[in-house]
Each structure stands twice: as C-alpha cells, then as structure tokens.
Amino acid sequence: MQGTIKLYDEASKTGSLVTDDRIEVAIDARSLGDEFIRTLRLGQRVRFEVEDNDGRQVARELRLVTFAGR
C-alpha cells in the first residue's frame, strides 16, 4: 500500500499518513521498523503495511518512495 505523510512529530515518532484511497493511518514508533529513516517530512510518499491495533489502523514496515517532500 502507498500513501503520503500528513503529520509527523520527530520527538515522539508519531503522526499519520493518508493512503491513496484517502484513508488516514496512524504512525507510531514501531512504524519505521528496521528502515534507516531518521525523519519523515510532510508530503513524502511511502510504502507500508497496515496492522489493526485495537480497532485503529497503524502503519508498519514503512519504506520511502520519495526522499523529499513535494
């Protein structure tokens, strides 16, 4: 699945992204997995898997598609 970063707080490593189907998915500290991503920027394109976490969709295994925000 692919989407675009909507919000990201570097200090807490939380935020959200919007899928291409316009569904908002949460980002948490485990979303980045083993990827060597230091920060995420607004508008950046990402690939990811979705995990259901107590009824809330959370991104997992986030991978960068673009390296700079639009």
C-alpha atoms as a PDB file:
ATOM      1  CA  MET A   1       0.000   0.000   0.000  1.00  0.00           C
ATOM      2  CA  GLN A   2       1.177   3.567  -0.621  1.00  0.00           C
ATOM      3  CA  GLY A   3       0.358   6.932   0.883  1.00  0.00           C
ATOM      4  CA  THR A   4       1.558  10.414   1.781  1.00  0.00           C
ATOM      5  CA  ILE A   5       2.818  11.703   5.132  1.00  0.00           C
ATOM      6  CA  LYS A   6       0.232  14.055   6.654  1.00  0.00           C
ATOM      7  CA  LEU A   7       1.724  14.730  10.115  1.00  0.00           C
ATOM      8  CA  TYR A   8       4.903  13.621  11.865  1.00  0.00           C
ATOM      9  CA  ASP A   9       6.409  14.577  15.218  1.00  0.00           C
ATOM     10  CA  GLU A  10      10.105  13.650  15.266  1.00  0.00           C
ATOM     11  CA  ALA A  11      10.363  13.774  19.071  1.00  0.00           C
ATOM     12  CA  SER A  12       7.590  11.246  19.733  1.00  0.00           C
ATOM     13  CA  LYS A  13       7.947   9.448  16.374  1.00  0.00           C
ATOM     14  CA  THR A  14       4.171   9.598  15.893  1.00  0.00           C
ATOM     15  CA  GLY A  15       1.929  11.049  13.223  1.00  0.00           C
ATOM     16  CA  SER A  16      -0.325   9.998  10.410  1.00  0.00           C
ATOM     17  CA  LEU A  17      -0.387   9.372   6.704  1.00  0.00           C
ATOM     18  CA  VAL A  18      -3.142   9.302   4.105  1.00  0.00           C
ATOM     19  CA  THR A  19      -3.478   6.353   1.741  1.00  0.00           C
ATOM     20  CA  ASP A  20      -4.143   6.828  -1.947  1.00  0.00           C
ATOM     21  CA  ASP A  21      -7.765   5.878  -1.095  1.00  0.00           C
ATOM     22  CA  ARG A  22      -7.867   8.860   1.348  1.00  0.00           C
ATOM     23  CA  ILE A  23      -7.888   6.711   4.499  1.00  0.00           C
ATOM     24  CA  GLU A  24      -5.914   8.094   7.443  1.00  0.00           C
ATOM     25  CA  VAL A  25      -3.469   5.638   9.061  1.00  0.00           C
ATOM     26  CA  ALA A  26      -1.557   6.263  12.287  1.00  0.00           C
ATOM     27  CA  ILE A  27       2.243   6.238  12.551  1.00  0.00           C
ATOM     28  CA  ASP A  28       3.885   5.179  15.817  1.00  0.00           C
ATOM     29  CA  ALA A  29       7.443   4.465  16.964  1.00  0.00           C
ATOM     30  CA  ARG A  30       7.254   0.889  15.606  1.00  0.00           C
ATOM     31  CA  SER A  31       6.083   2.003  12.142  1.00  0.00           C
ATOM     32  CA  LEU A  32       9.609   2.599  10.853  1.00  0.00           C
ATOM     33  CA  GLY A  33      10.764  -0.940  11.677  1.00  0.00           C
ATOM     34  CA  ASP A  34      14.357  -1.609  10.680  1.00  0.00           C
ATOM     35  CA  GLU A  35      14.402   1.033   7.937  1.00  0.00           C
ATOM     36  CA  PHE A  36      17.132   3.648   8.374  1.00  0.00           C
ATOM     37  CA  ILE A  37      14.725   6.592   8.288  1.00  0.00           C
ATOM     38  CA  ARG A  38      15.764   9.466  10.527  1.00  0.00           C
ATOM     39  CA  THR A  39      12.704  11.639   9.960  1.00  0.00           C
ATOM     40  CA  LEU A  40       9.618  11.903   7.793  1.00  0.00           C
ATOM     41  CA  ARG A  41       8.545  15.060   6.003  1.00  0.00           C
ATOM     42  CA  LEU A  42       5.109  16.362   5.104  1.00  0.00           C
ATOM     43  CA  GLY A  43       4.137  15.240   1.597  1.00  0.00           C
ATOM     44  CA  GLN A  44       6.679  12.422   1.429  1.00  0.00           C
ATOM     45  CA  ARG A  45       5.465   9.290  -0.380  1.00  0.00           C
ATOM     46  CA  VAL A  46       5.795   5.988   1.487  1.00  0.00           C
ATOM     47  CA  ARG A  47       5.003   2.290   1.106  1.00  0.00           C
ATOM     48  CA  PHE A  48       3.753   0.366   4.132  1.00  0.00           C
ATOM     49  CA  GLU A  49       1.704  -2.481   5.547  1.00  0.00           C
ATOM     50  CA  VAL A  50      -1.322  -1.861   7.787  1.00  0.00           C
ATOM     51  CA  GLU A  51      -1.865  -3.519  11.159  1.00  0.00           C
ATOM     52  CA  ASP A  52      -5.089  -3.370  13.160  1.00  0.00           C
ATOM     53  CA  ASN A  53      -4.223  -2.223  16.684  1.00  0.00           C
ATOM     54  CA  ASP A  54      -7.342  -2.269  18.915  1.00  0.00           C
ATOM     55  CA  GLY A  55      -9.571  -1.075  16.069  1.00  0.00           C
ATOM     56  CA  ARG A  56      -7.086   1.550  14.885  1.00  0.00           C
ATOM     57  CA  GLN A  57      -5.117   1.196  11.659  1.00  0.00           C
ATOM     58  CA  VAL A  58      -1.370   1.644  12.209  1.00  0.00           C
ATOM     59  CA  ALA A  59       1.366   1.684   9.549  1.00  0.00           C
ATOM     60  CA  ARG A  60       4.089  -0.979   9.734  1.00  0.00           C
ATOM     61  CA  GLU A  61       7.276  -1.564   7.727  1.00  0.00           C
ATOM     62  CA  LEU A  62       7.288   1.980   6.348  1.00  0.00           C
ATOM     63  CA  ARG A  63       9.591   2.455   3.340  1.00  0.00           C
ATOM     64  CA  LEU A  64      10.342   5.683   1.498  1.00  0.00           C
ATOM     65  CA  VAL A  65       9.155   6.079  -2.088  1.00  0.00           C
ATOM     66  CA  THR A  66      10.440   9.686  -2.359  1.00  0.00           C
ATOM     67  CA  PHE A  67      13.184  11.277  -0.311  1.00  0.00           C
ATOM     68  CA  ALA A  68      11.919  14.868  -0.246  1.00  0.00           C
ATOM     69  CA  GLY A  69       8.541  16.440   0.398  1.00  0.00           C
ATOM     70  CA  ARG A  70       6.652  17.846  -2.555  1.00  0.00           C
END
